[in-house]
N, C-alpha and C. Protein backbone atom coordinates (compact mmCIF):
# COMPACT_ATOMS: atom_id res chain seq x y z
N UNK A 1 0.86 -1.19 0.00
CA UNK A 1 0.00 0.00 0.00
C UNK A 1 0.90 1.24 0.00
N UNK A 2 0.59 2.23 -0.86
CA UNK A 2 1.40 3.44 -0.94
C UNK A 2 1.14 4.32 0.26
N UNK A 3 2.01 5.31 0.45
CA UNK A 3 1.87 6.23 1.58
C UNK A 3 0.59 7.03 1.46
N UNK A 4 0.23 7.42 0.24
CA UNK A 4 -0.99 8.21 0.04
C UNK A 4 -2.23 7.39 0.38
N UNK A 5 -2.22 6.10 -0.03
CA UNK A 5 -3.36 5.23 0.26
C UNK A 5 -3.51 5.00 1.75
N UNK A 6 -2.40 4.82 2.46
CA UNK A 6 -2.45 4.60 3.90
C UNK A 6 -2.99 5.82 4.62
N UNK A 7 -2.57 7.02 4.18
CA UNK A 7 -3.06 8.25 4.80
C UNK A 7 -4.55 8.41 4.58
N UNK A 8 -5.02 8.06 3.41
CA UNK A 8 -6.45 8.18 3.11
C UNK A 8 -7.25 7.22 3.96
N UNK A 9 -6.72 6.02 4.21
CA UNK A 9 -7.43 5.05 5.04
C UNK A 9 -7.54 5.55 6.47
N UNK A 10 -6.49 6.19 7.00
CA UNK A 10 -6.52 6.70 8.37
C UNK A 10 -7.52 7.82 8.51
N UNK A 11 -7.59 8.70 7.53
CA UNK A 11 -8.53 9.81 7.57
C UNK A 11 -9.96 9.31 7.53
N UNK A 12 -10.21 8.30 6.74
CA UNK A 12 -11.54 7.73 6.65
C UNK A 12 -11.95 7.06 7.95
N UNK A 13 -11.01 6.36 8.63
CA UNK A 13 -11.33 5.67 9.89
C UNK A 13 -11.60 6.66 11.00
N UNK A 14 -10.90 7.83 11.00
CA UNK A 14 -11.08 8.79 12.08
C UNK A 14 -12.43 9.47 12.03
N UNK A 15 -13.11 9.42 10.88
CA UNK A 15 -14.41 10.07 10.77
C UNK A 15 -15.55 9.18 11.25
N UNK A 16 -15.26 7.96 11.69
CA UNK A 16 -16.29 7.05 12.18
C UNK A 16 -16.82 7.52 13.52
N UNK A 17 -18.15 7.54 13.69
CA UNK A 17 -18.79 7.92 14.95
C UNK A 17 -19.51 6.70 15.50
N UNK A 18 -19.12 6.29 16.71
CA UNK A 18 -19.70 5.09 17.31
C UNK A 18 -21.14 5.36 17.71
N UNK A 19 -21.94 4.29 17.86
CA UNK A 19 -23.33 4.47 18.34
C UNK A 19 -23.40 5.19 19.68
N UNK A 20 -22.39 4.95 20.57
CA UNK A 20 -22.39 5.62 21.85
C UNK A 20 -22.26 7.13 21.68
N UNK A 21 -21.32 7.57 20.77
CA UNK A 21 -21.16 9.00 20.53
C UNK A 21 -22.40 9.58 19.89
N UNK A 22 -23.07 8.80 19.00
CA UNK A 22 -24.30 9.29 18.39
C UNK A 22 -25.36 9.54 19.46
N UNK A 23 -25.44 8.64 20.44
CA UNK A 23 -26.43 8.80 21.50
C UNK A 23 -26.11 10.01 22.36
N UNK A 24 -24.80 10.21 22.65
CA UNK A 24 -24.42 11.35 23.47
C UNK A 24 -24.68 12.66 22.74
N UNK A 25 -24.51 12.66 21.40
CA UNK A 25 -24.79 13.87 20.64
C UNK A 25 -26.28 14.15 20.57
N UNK A 26 -27.09 13.11 20.66
CA UNK A 26 -28.53 13.28 20.57
C UNK A 26 -29.10 13.92 21.82
N UNK A 27 -28.57 13.54 22.98
CA UNK A 27 -29.02 14.10 24.25
C UNK A 27 -27.92 15.01 24.78
N UNK A 28 -28.19 16.29 24.87
CA UNK A 28 -27.20 17.25 25.35
C UNK A 28 -27.81 18.13 26.40
N UNK A 29 -26.97 18.60 27.29
CA UNK A 29 -27.42 19.47 28.36
C UNK A 29 -27.07 20.91 28.03
N UNK A 30 -28.04 21.78 28.18
CA UNK A 30 -27.77 23.20 28.00
C UNK A 30 -27.28 23.77 29.31
N UNK A 31 -26.67 24.95 29.28
CA UNK A 31 -26.23 25.56 30.56
C UNK A 31 -27.39 25.68 31.52
N UNK A 32 -27.12 25.37 32.79
CA UNK A 32 -28.16 25.40 33.81
C UNK A 32 -28.48 26.85 34.15
N UNK A 33 -29.76 27.15 34.16
CA UNK A 33 -30.19 28.50 34.53
C UNK A 33 -31.00 28.42 35.80
N UNK A 34 -30.94 29.48 36.57
CA UNK A 34 -31.70 29.53 37.81
C UNK A 34 -32.85 30.50 37.67
N UNK A 35 -33.95 30.16 38.28
CA UNK A 35 -35.12 31.01 38.25
C UNK A 35 -35.59 31.24 39.67
N UNK A 36 -35.41 32.43 40.17
CA UNK A 36 -35.79 32.73 41.54
C UNK A 36 -37.27 33.08 41.56
N UNK A 37 -38.06 32.27 42.28
CA UNK A 37 -39.50 32.43 42.28
C UNK A 37 -39.97 33.50 43.25
N UNK A 38 -39.16 33.80 44.27
CA UNK A 38 -39.59 34.78 45.23
C UNK A 38 -39.40 36.19 44.67
N UNK A 39 -40.07 37.15 45.25
CA UNK A 39 -39.99 38.52 44.78
C UNK A 39 -38.61 39.11 45.03
N UNK A 40 -37.98 38.73 46.10
CA UNK A 40 -36.64 39.23 46.41
C UNK A 40 -35.81 38.07 46.92
N UNK A 41 -34.60 37.89 46.36
CA UNK A 41 -33.76 36.77 46.77
C UNK A 41 -32.66 37.21 47.72
N UNK A 42 -32.75 38.42 48.22
CA UNK A 42 -31.76 38.88 49.20
C UNK A 42 -32.24 38.53 50.60
N UNK A 43 -31.31 38.01 51.42
CA UNK A 43 -31.67 37.71 52.81
C UNK A 43 -31.87 39.03 53.54
N UNK A 44 -32.71 39.00 54.55
CA UNK A 44 -33.00 40.21 55.31
C UNK A 44 -32.90 39.91 56.79
N UNK A 45 -32.67 40.95 57.57
CA UNK A 45 -32.54 40.82 59.01
C UNK A 45 -33.80 41.37 59.65
N UNK A 46 -34.57 40.45 60.31
CA UNK A 46 -35.79 40.86 60.97
C UNK A 46 -35.79 40.31 62.38
N UNK A 47 -36.05 41.18 63.34
CA UNK A 47 -36.11 40.80 64.74
C UNK A 47 -34.82 40.12 65.22
N UNK A 48 -33.69 40.59 64.68
CA UNK A 48 -32.40 40.06 65.13
C UNK A 48 -32.03 38.73 64.53
N UNK A 49 -32.81 38.19 63.53
CA UNK A 49 -32.50 36.90 62.91
C UNK A 49 -32.48 37.07 61.39
N UNK A 50 -31.60 36.31 60.75
CA UNK A 50 -31.53 36.36 59.29
C UNK A 50 -32.64 35.51 58.70
N UNK A 51 -33.29 36.02 57.68
CA UNK A 51 -34.36 35.31 57.00
C UNK A 51 -33.99 35.16 55.53
N UNK A 52 -34.00 33.92 55.05
CA UNK A 52 -33.67 33.63 53.66
C UNK A 52 -34.92 33.16 52.94
N UNK A 53 -35.33 33.83 51.87
CA UNK A 53 -36.57 33.45 51.18
C UNK A 53 -36.41 32.12 50.46
N UNK A 54 -37.54 31.54 50.11
CA UNK A 54 -37.54 30.27 49.38
C UNK A 54 -37.18 30.52 47.93
N UNK A 55 -36.32 29.67 47.37
CA UNK A 55 -35.93 29.80 45.97
C UNK A 55 -36.13 28.46 45.27
N UNK A 56 -36.45 28.52 43.96
CA UNK A 56 -36.62 27.33 43.15
C UNK A 56 -35.63 27.38 42.01
N UNK A 57 -34.94 26.28 41.75
CA UNK A 57 -33.94 26.21 40.69
C UNK A 57 -34.51 25.42 39.53
N UNK A 58 -34.35 25.96 38.30
CA UNK A 58 -34.79 25.26 37.10
C UNK A 58 -33.57 24.90 36.26
N UNK A 59 -33.60 23.73 35.64
CA UNK A 59 -32.55 23.30 34.73
C UNK A 59 -33.17 23.00 33.38
N UNK A 60 -32.46 23.31 32.29
CA UNK A 60 -32.94 23.05 30.95
C UNK A 60 -32.11 21.94 30.32
N UNK A 61 -32.77 20.99 29.65
CA UNK A 61 -32.10 19.89 28.98
C UNK A 61 -32.63 19.79 27.56
N UNK A 62 -31.74 19.72 26.59
CA UNK A 62 -32.13 19.61 25.20
C UNK A 62 -32.09 18.16 24.77
N UNK A 63 -33.21 17.65 24.29
CA UNK A 63 -33.32 16.27 23.81
C UNK A 63 -33.91 16.31 22.42
N UNK A 64 -33.10 15.95 21.43
CA UNK A 64 -33.60 15.92 20.06
C UNK A 64 -34.13 17.25 19.58
N UNK A 65 -33.54 18.35 20.04
CA UNK A 65 -33.95 19.66 19.61
C UNK A 65 -35.04 20.27 20.46
N UNK A 66 -35.68 19.48 21.31
CA UNK A 66 -36.73 20.00 22.19
C UNK A 66 -36.13 20.39 23.54
N UNK A 67 -36.54 21.52 24.05
CA UNK A 67 -36.07 21.99 25.34
C UNK A 67 -37.05 21.58 26.42
N UNK A 68 -36.53 20.88 27.43
CA UNK A 68 -37.37 20.40 28.52
C UNK A 68 -36.95 21.12 29.79
N UNK A 69 -37.89 21.73 30.49
CA UNK A 69 -37.62 22.39 31.76
C UNK A 69 -37.84 21.40 32.89
N UNK A 70 -36.83 21.27 33.73
CA UNK A 70 -36.93 20.40 34.91
C UNK A 70 -36.87 21.29 36.13
N UNK A 71 -37.96 21.35 36.91
CA UNK A 71 -37.99 22.19 38.10
C UNK A 71 -37.68 21.35 39.33
N UNK A 72 -36.69 21.79 40.06
CA UNK A 72 -36.28 21.05 41.25
C UNK A 72 -37.17 21.43 42.41
N UNK A 73 -36.98 20.72 43.52
CA UNK A 73 -37.73 21.04 44.72
C UNK A 73 -37.20 22.36 45.28
N UNK A 74 -38.01 23.10 46.00
CA UNK A 74 -37.54 24.36 46.58
C UNK A 74 -36.36 24.14 47.51
N UNK A 75 -35.41 25.08 47.48
CA UNK A 75 -34.25 25.00 48.36
C UNK A 75 -34.20 26.26 49.23
N UNK A 76 -33.45 26.18 50.32
CA UNK A 76 -33.29 27.30 51.25
C UNK A 76 -34.62 27.81 51.78
N UNK A 77 -35.54 26.90 52.02
CA UNK A 77 -36.81 27.33 52.60
C UNK A 77 -36.59 27.85 54.01
N UNK A 78 -37.33 28.87 54.38
CA UNK A 78 -37.20 29.46 55.71
C UNK A 78 -37.74 28.49 56.76
N UNK A 79 -36.88 28.13 57.70
CA UNK A 79 -37.28 27.24 58.80
C UNK A 79 -36.77 27.84 60.10
N UNK A 80 -37.30 28.96 60.44
CA UNK A 80 -36.86 29.66 61.65
C UNK A 80 -37.79 29.31 62.79
N UNK A 81 -37.34 28.40 63.65
CA UNK A 81 -38.13 28.05 64.82
C UNK A 81 -37.44 28.49 66.10
N UNK A 82 -36.49 29.43 65.97
CA UNK A 82 -35.94 30.08 67.15
C UNK A 82 -34.78 29.37 67.82
N UNK A 83 -33.84 28.78 67.06
CA UNK A 83 -32.66 28.15 67.66
C UNK A 83 -31.83 29.21 68.38
N UNK A 84 -31.47 28.95 69.63
CA UNK A 84 -30.69 29.90 70.42
C UNK A 84 -29.26 29.40 70.61
N UNK A 85 -29.09 28.24 71.24
CA UNK A 85 -27.77 27.66 71.44
C UNK A 85 -27.93 26.22 71.93
N UNK A 86 -26.80 25.57 72.21
CA UNK A 86 -26.84 24.24 72.80
C UNK A 86 -27.14 24.38 74.28
N UNK A 87 -28.16 23.67 74.77
CA UNK A 87 -28.57 23.80 76.17
C UNK A 87 -27.77 22.86 77.08
N UNK A 88 -27.72 21.57 76.73
CA UNK A 88 -26.93 20.63 77.53
C UNK A 88 -26.64 19.39 76.72
N UNK A 89 -25.69 18.62 77.22
CA UNK A 89 -25.32 17.33 76.63
C UNK A 89 -25.54 16.26 77.69
N UNK A 90 -26.24 15.19 77.33
CA UNK A 90 -26.47 14.10 78.26
C UNK A 90 -25.38 13.06 78.17
N UNK A 91 -24.79 12.71 79.31
CA UNK A 91 -23.71 11.71 79.37
C UNK A 91 -24.11 10.63 80.36
N UNK A 92 -24.02 9.37 79.91
CA UNK A 92 -24.39 8.23 80.76
C UNK A 92 -23.21 7.83 81.64
N UNK A 93 -23.53 7.43 82.86
CA UNK A 93 -22.49 6.96 83.77
C UNK A 93 -23.01 5.76 84.57
N UNK A 94 -22.07 4.92 84.99
CA UNK A 94 -22.44 3.74 85.77
C UNK A 94 -22.57 4.07 87.26
N UNK A 95 -21.71 4.96 87.73
CA UNK A 95 -21.71 5.33 89.15
C UNK A 95 -21.60 6.84 89.25
N UNK A 96 -22.63 7.49 89.76
CA UNK A 96 -22.69 8.95 89.79
C UNK A 96 -21.55 9.54 90.62
N UNK A 97 -21.27 8.95 91.77
CA UNK A 97 -20.22 9.50 92.63
C UNK A 97 -18.85 9.45 91.95
N UNK A 98 -18.57 8.35 91.28
CA UNK A 98 -17.29 8.23 90.57
C UNK A 98 -17.18 9.28 89.46
N UNK A 99 -18.27 9.48 88.75
CA UNK A 99 -18.26 10.47 87.68
C UNK A 99 -18.13 11.89 88.21
N UNK A 100 -18.83 12.17 89.32
CA UNK A 100 -18.72 13.50 89.92
C UNK A 100 -17.31 13.78 90.41
N UNK A 101 -16.64 12.76 90.91
CA UNK A 101 -15.26 12.93 91.34
C UNK A 101 -14.38 13.36 90.17
N UNK A 102 -14.63 12.79 89.00
CA UNK A 102 -13.86 13.15 87.81
C UNK A 102 -14.23 14.55 87.33
N UNK A 103 -15.51 14.79 87.13
CA UNK A 103 -15.93 16.07 86.54
C UNK A 103 -15.74 17.25 87.49
N UNK A 104 -15.91 17.02 88.79
CA UNK A 104 -15.74 18.12 89.74
C UNK A 104 -14.29 18.27 90.18
N UNK A 105 -13.68 17.18 90.65
CA UNK A 105 -12.36 17.28 91.27
C UNK A 105 -11.20 17.31 90.27
N UNK A 106 -11.40 16.71 89.09
CA UNK A 106 -10.35 16.74 88.07
C UNK A 106 -10.57 17.89 87.10
N UNK A 107 -11.78 17.97 86.55
CA UNK A 107 -12.06 19.00 85.55
C UNK A 107 -12.52 20.32 86.15
N UNK A 108 -12.92 20.31 87.41
CA UNK A 108 -13.28 21.56 88.08
C UNK A 108 -14.65 22.11 87.73
N UNK A 109 -15.55 21.28 87.23
CA UNK A 109 -16.89 21.75 86.89
C UNK A 109 -17.75 21.85 88.15
N UNK A 110 -18.68 22.80 88.14
CA UNK A 110 -19.54 23.05 89.29
C UNK A 110 -20.96 22.52 89.02
N UNK A 111 -21.60 22.04 90.09
CA UNK A 111 -22.98 21.54 89.98
C UNK A 111 -23.94 22.73 89.92
N UNK A 112 -24.92 22.61 89.03
CA UNK A 112 -26.00 23.58 88.97
C UNK A 112 -27.06 23.16 89.97
N UNK A 113 -27.03 23.77 91.13
CA UNK A 113 -27.94 23.39 92.21
C UNK A 113 -29.40 23.75 91.90
N UNK A 114 -29.60 24.63 90.92
CA UNK A 114 -30.98 25.04 90.60
C UNK A 114 -31.73 23.96 89.83
N UNK A 115 -31.00 23.04 89.25
CA UNK A 115 -31.67 21.97 88.50
C UNK A 115 -32.12 20.88 89.46
N UNK A 116 -33.36 20.43 89.35
CA UNK A 116 -33.86 19.39 90.27
C UNK A 116 -33.20 18.04 90.02
N UNK A 117 -32.87 17.34 91.10
CA UNK A 117 -32.23 16.03 90.98
C UNK A 117 -33.21 14.90 91.30
N UNK A 118 -34.39 15.23 91.75
CA UNK A 118 -35.32 14.20 92.19
C UNK A 118 -36.59 14.14 91.34
N UNK A 119 -36.57 14.75 90.18
CA UNK A 119 -37.75 14.76 89.32
C UNK A 119 -37.73 13.63 88.29
N UNK A 120 -36.62 12.94 88.17
CA UNK A 120 -36.47 11.88 87.18
C UNK A 120 -36.32 10.53 87.88
N UNK A 121 -36.68 9.44 87.20
CA UNK A 121 -36.62 8.11 87.84
C UNK A 121 -35.22 7.50 87.87
N UNK A 122 -34.18 8.32 87.78
CA UNK A 122 -32.81 7.83 87.88
C UNK A 122 -31.96 8.93 88.50
N UNK A 123 -30.83 8.56 89.04
CA UNK A 123 -29.95 9.54 89.67
C UNK A 123 -29.17 10.32 88.60
N UNK A 124 -28.85 11.56 88.94
CA UNK A 124 -28.10 12.36 87.99
C UNK A 124 -27.64 13.66 88.60
N UNK A 125 -26.95 14.46 87.79
CA UNK A 125 -26.46 15.76 88.24
C UNK A 125 -26.25 16.64 87.02
N UNK A 126 -26.46 17.94 87.21
CA UNK A 126 -26.26 18.93 86.16
C UNK A 126 -25.00 19.72 86.48
N UNK A 127 -24.09 19.79 85.53
CA UNK A 127 -22.82 20.48 85.72
C UNK A 127 -22.71 21.65 84.74
N UNK A 128 -22.28 22.78 85.26
CA UNK A 128 -22.11 23.95 84.42
C UNK A 128 -20.90 23.80 83.50
N UNK A 129 -21.08 24.13 82.23
CA UNK A 129 -19.99 24.25 81.26
C UNK A 129 -20.17 25.61 80.60
N UNK A 130 -19.59 26.64 81.19
CA UNK A 130 -19.90 27.99 80.73
C UNK A 130 -21.36 28.30 81.03
N UNK A 131 -22.09 28.69 79.99
CA UNK A 131 -23.53 28.96 80.16
C UNK A 131 -24.37 27.75 79.79
N UNK A 132 -23.74 26.66 79.34
CA UNK A 132 -24.44 25.42 79.02
C UNK A 132 -24.15 24.38 80.10
N UNK A 133 -24.65 23.16 79.92
CA UNK A 133 -24.51 22.16 80.97
C UNK A 133 -24.23 20.77 80.42
N UNK A 134 -23.68 19.94 81.29
CA UNK A 134 -23.60 18.49 81.08
C UNK A 134 -24.57 17.86 82.06
N UNK A 135 -25.40 16.95 81.57
CA UNK A 135 -26.33 16.22 82.44
C UNK A 135 -25.80 14.80 82.61
N UNK A 136 -25.25 14.52 83.77
CA UNK A 136 -24.82 13.16 84.09
C UNK A 136 -26.04 12.33 84.46
N UNK A 137 -26.18 11.17 83.84
CA UNK A 137 -27.33 10.30 84.08
C UNK A 137 -26.84 8.90 84.43
N UNK A 138 -27.19 8.44 85.62
CA UNK A 138 -26.79 7.11 86.06
C UNK A 138 -27.76 6.10 85.46
N UNK A 139 -27.40 5.63 84.26
CA UNK A 139 -28.25 4.70 83.49
C UNK A 139 -27.35 3.68 82.80
N UNK A 140 -27.91 2.51 82.46
CA UNK A 140 -27.12 1.52 81.72
C UNK A 140 -26.64 2.09 80.39
N UNK A 141 -25.40 1.85 80.08
CA UNK A 141 -24.81 2.37 78.85
C UNK A 141 -24.89 1.30 77.76
N UNK A 142 -25.61 1.58 76.65
CA UNK A 142 -25.72 0.58 75.59
C UNK A 142 -24.45 0.44 74.76
N UNK A 143 -23.50 1.38 74.91
CA UNK A 143 -22.27 1.32 74.13
C UNK A 143 -21.24 0.44 74.82
N UNK A 144 -20.40 -0.26 74.05
CA UNK A 144 -19.34 -1.07 74.67
C UNK A 144 -18.28 -0.18 75.30
N UNK A 145 -17.72 -0.62 76.41
CA UNK A 145 -16.68 0.14 77.10
C UNK A 145 -15.29 -0.24 76.61
N UNK A 146 -15.18 -1.33 75.87
CA UNK A 146 -13.90 -1.76 75.32
C UNK A 146 -13.97 -1.72 73.80
N UNK A 147 -12.79 -1.68 73.20
CA UNK A 147 -12.73 -1.66 71.74
C UNK A 147 -13.00 -0.30 71.13
N UNK A 148 -13.03 0.75 71.94
CA UNK A 148 -13.25 2.09 71.43
C UNK A 148 -11.94 2.64 70.84
N UNK A 149 -12.00 3.59 69.93
CA UNK A 149 -10.76 4.16 69.38
C UNK A 149 -9.91 4.79 70.47
N UNK A 150 -8.60 4.65 70.34
CA UNK A 150 -7.71 5.25 71.33
C UNK A 150 -7.84 6.76 71.32
N UNK A 151 -7.98 7.32 70.13
CA UNK A 151 -8.11 8.77 69.98
C UNK A 151 -9.59 9.14 70.02
N UNK A 152 -9.97 9.94 71.01
CA UNK A 152 -11.37 10.31 71.17
C UNK A 152 -11.95 11.09 70.02
N UNK A 153 -11.09 11.71 69.20
CA UNK A 153 -11.57 12.44 68.04
C UNK A 153 -12.17 11.55 66.97
N UNK A 154 -11.92 10.24 67.06
CA UNK A 154 -12.51 9.29 66.11
C UNK A 154 -13.72 8.57 66.70
N UNK A 155 -14.22 9.08 67.82
CA UNK A 155 -15.37 8.48 68.49
C UNK A 155 -16.39 9.59 68.73
N UNK A 156 -17.61 9.21 69.11
CA UNK A 156 -18.57 10.22 69.54
C UNK A 156 -17.98 10.96 70.73
N UNK A 157 -18.03 12.28 70.69
CA UNK A 157 -17.41 13.02 71.78
C UNK A 157 -18.10 14.36 72.01
N UNK A 158 -17.90 14.88 73.21
CA UNK A 158 -18.38 16.21 73.58
C UNK A 158 -17.19 17.15 73.59
N UNK A 159 -17.32 18.30 72.93
CA UNK A 159 -16.22 19.25 72.84
C UNK A 159 -16.49 20.45 73.73
N UNK A 160 -15.51 20.79 74.57
CA UNK A 160 -15.61 21.91 75.49
C UNK A 160 -14.52 22.92 75.15
N UNK A 161 -14.90 24.18 74.99
CA UNK A 161 -13.93 25.24 74.69
C UNK A 161 -13.27 25.71 75.98
N UNK A 162 -11.94 25.81 75.97
CA UNK A 162 -11.20 26.26 77.16
C UNK A 162 -10.16 27.30 76.73
N UNK A 163 -9.53 27.91 77.73
CA UNK A 163 -8.54 28.95 77.44
C UNK A 163 -7.11 28.43 77.36
N UNK A 164 -6.80 27.34 78.08
CA UNK A 164 -5.40 26.92 78.20
C UNK A 164 -5.30 25.39 78.16
N UNK A 165 -4.98 24.85 76.99
CA UNK A 165 -4.84 23.40 76.84
C UNK A 165 -3.63 22.89 77.61
N UNK A 166 -2.54 23.65 77.63
CA UNK A 166 -1.33 23.18 78.32
C UNK A 166 -1.57 23.02 79.82
N UNK A 167 -2.37 23.89 80.41
CA UNK A 167 -2.67 23.78 81.83
C UNK A 167 -3.51 22.54 82.12
N UNK A 168 -4.49 22.26 81.25
CA UNK A 168 -5.29 21.03 81.42
C UNK A 168 -4.41 19.80 81.24
N UNK A 169 -3.48 19.85 80.31
CA UNK A 169 -2.56 18.73 80.10
C UNK A 169 -1.79 18.43 81.39
N UNK A 170 -1.35 19.47 82.09
CA UNK A 170 -0.64 19.28 83.35
C UNK A 170 -1.55 18.65 84.40
N UNK A 171 -2.81 19.10 84.45
CA UNK A 171 -3.78 18.56 85.41
C UNK A 171 -4.01 17.07 85.15
N UNK A 172 -4.16 16.68 83.89
CA UNK A 172 -4.38 15.28 83.55
C UNK A 172 -3.14 14.45 83.84
N UNK A 173 -1.96 15.00 83.58
CA UNK A 173 -0.71 14.29 83.89
C UNK A 173 -0.61 14.01 85.39
N UNK A 174 -0.91 15.01 86.21
CA UNK A 174 -0.81 14.83 87.65
C UNK A 174 -1.82 13.81 88.17
N UNK A 175 -2.98 13.71 87.51
CA UNK A 175 -4.01 12.75 87.94
C UNK A 175 -3.80 11.38 87.31
N UNK A 176 -2.82 11.25 86.41
CA UNK A 176 -2.56 9.97 85.76
C UNK A 176 -3.64 9.56 84.77
N UNK A 177 -4.29 10.54 84.17
CA UNK A 177 -5.37 10.26 83.21
C UNK A 177 -4.81 10.33 81.80
N UNK A 178 -4.95 9.27 81.02
CA UNK A 178 -4.40 9.28 79.66
C UNK A 178 -5.18 10.23 78.74
N UNK A 179 -4.49 10.70 77.71
CA UNK A 179 -5.10 11.62 76.75
C UNK A 179 -4.33 11.53 75.44
N UNK A 180 -4.90 12.11 74.41
CA UNK A 180 -4.23 12.26 73.13
C UNK A 180 -4.39 13.71 72.69
N UNK A 181 -3.46 14.16 71.88
CA UNK A 181 -3.52 15.52 71.36
C UNK A 181 -4.13 15.52 69.97
N UNK A 182 -4.55 16.68 69.53
CA UNK A 182 -5.17 16.80 68.21
C UNK A 182 -4.20 16.34 67.13
N UNK A 183 -4.69 15.54 66.19
CA UNK A 183 -3.85 15.05 65.10
C UNK A 183 -3.56 16.15 64.08
N UNK A 184 -4.35 17.21 64.08
CA UNK A 184 -4.15 18.29 63.11
C UNK A 184 -3.14 19.33 63.58
N UNK A 185 -2.69 19.22 64.84
CA UNK A 185 -1.73 20.16 65.35
C UNK A 185 -2.34 21.36 66.05
N UNK A 186 -3.65 21.50 66.00
CA UNK A 186 -4.28 22.63 66.69
C UNK A 186 -4.25 22.38 68.20
N UNK A 187 -4.39 23.41 69.03
CA UNK A 187 -4.36 23.22 70.49
C UNK A 187 -5.65 22.58 71.00
N UNK A 188 -5.65 21.28 71.07
CA UNK A 188 -6.81 20.52 71.55
C UNK A 188 -6.32 19.22 72.17
N UNK A 189 -7.06 18.76 73.17
CA UNK A 189 -6.68 17.53 73.88
C UNK A 189 -7.93 16.67 74.05
N UNK A 190 -7.75 15.36 73.93
CA UNK A 190 -8.85 14.41 74.03
C UNK A 190 -8.60 13.46 75.19
N UNK A 191 -9.62 13.20 75.97
CA UNK A 191 -9.52 12.24 77.05
C UNK A 191 -10.87 11.55 77.21
N UNK A 192 -10.95 10.64 78.19
CA UNK A 192 -12.20 9.93 78.45
C UNK A 192 -12.51 9.98 79.94
N UNK A 193 -13.81 9.98 80.24
CA UNK A 193 -14.23 9.96 81.64
C UNK A 193 -14.21 8.51 82.14
N UNK A 194 -14.55 8.24 83.40
CA UNK A 194 -14.48 6.86 83.91
C UNK A 194 -15.36 5.87 83.17
N UNK A 195 -16.33 6.33 82.39
CA UNK A 195 -17.20 5.44 81.62
C UNK A 195 -16.86 5.41 80.15
N UNK A 196 -15.65 5.86 79.81
CA UNK A 196 -15.13 5.84 78.44
C UNK A 196 -15.84 6.81 77.51
N UNK A 197 -16.59 7.77 78.06
CA UNK A 197 -17.16 8.82 77.22
C UNK A 197 -16.05 9.76 76.77
N UNK A 198 -15.93 9.99 75.47
CA UNK A 198 -14.85 10.82 74.94
C UNK A 198 -15.16 12.30 75.13
N UNK A 199 -14.14 13.03 75.54
CA UNK A 199 -14.24 14.47 75.74
C UNK A 199 -13.11 15.17 74.98
N UNK A 200 -13.46 16.23 74.29
CA UNK A 200 -12.45 17.06 73.63
C UNK A 200 -12.43 18.43 74.32
N UNK A 201 -11.23 18.97 74.51
CA UNK A 201 -11.06 20.32 75.04
C UNK A 201 -10.24 21.09 74.02
N UNK A 202 -10.87 22.07 73.40
CA UNK A 202 -10.21 22.84 72.36
C UNK A 202 -9.95 24.26 72.85
N UNK A 203 -8.76 24.77 72.55
CA UNK A 203 -8.38 26.10 73.06
C UNK A 203 -8.95 27.17 72.15
N UNK A 204 -9.54 28.19 72.76
CA UNK A 204 -10.08 29.32 72.02
C UNK A 204 -9.48 30.60 72.58
N UNK A 205 -9.45 31.63 71.74
CA UNK A 205 -8.93 32.93 72.17
C UNK A 205 -10.03 33.73 72.84
N UNK A 206 -9.62 34.74 73.58
CA UNK A 206 -10.58 35.64 74.24
C UNK A 206 -11.37 36.43 73.19
């Protein structure tokens, strides 16, 4: 075969369009356009809270020359039911006195005496964590106490913001309580209470 014949054969082969490419050419997507259904799409501040109006997004798809509008479900719908902050975290313990010894005498947390201790069918205590609380509940723990990750950051955990991680590290060292430091290098320390509940203490600035 001559060089000219070979070149002609290659050019002819390159012009072949597979059935898959034909199908992809038949169905094509046009640029996605958005259609804001509300009168104003700017968020507004009312009564000290941000309000975001409901918006609907439309997408256009071209199939065989026909344009089809696909309307998605509404997004960013306003759901303002008055979230303020985290009120408390419930932590299960096997023995209330043992847990109080840890949370009060090691971590230095104070009991909220205003919270009733005799209104529930189990023993417990409310501990102040800043303006929020930890509710210790003496109840059976459905979670296993063994086989948990060594690093509390890989387990369910409660995070408490503190001012000085190095000072807490010294306190835990003196009490012989094991801990791990943050794997990302940020000032944070992870430990566990007597019932293997994971706790994180992350340092924050004033």
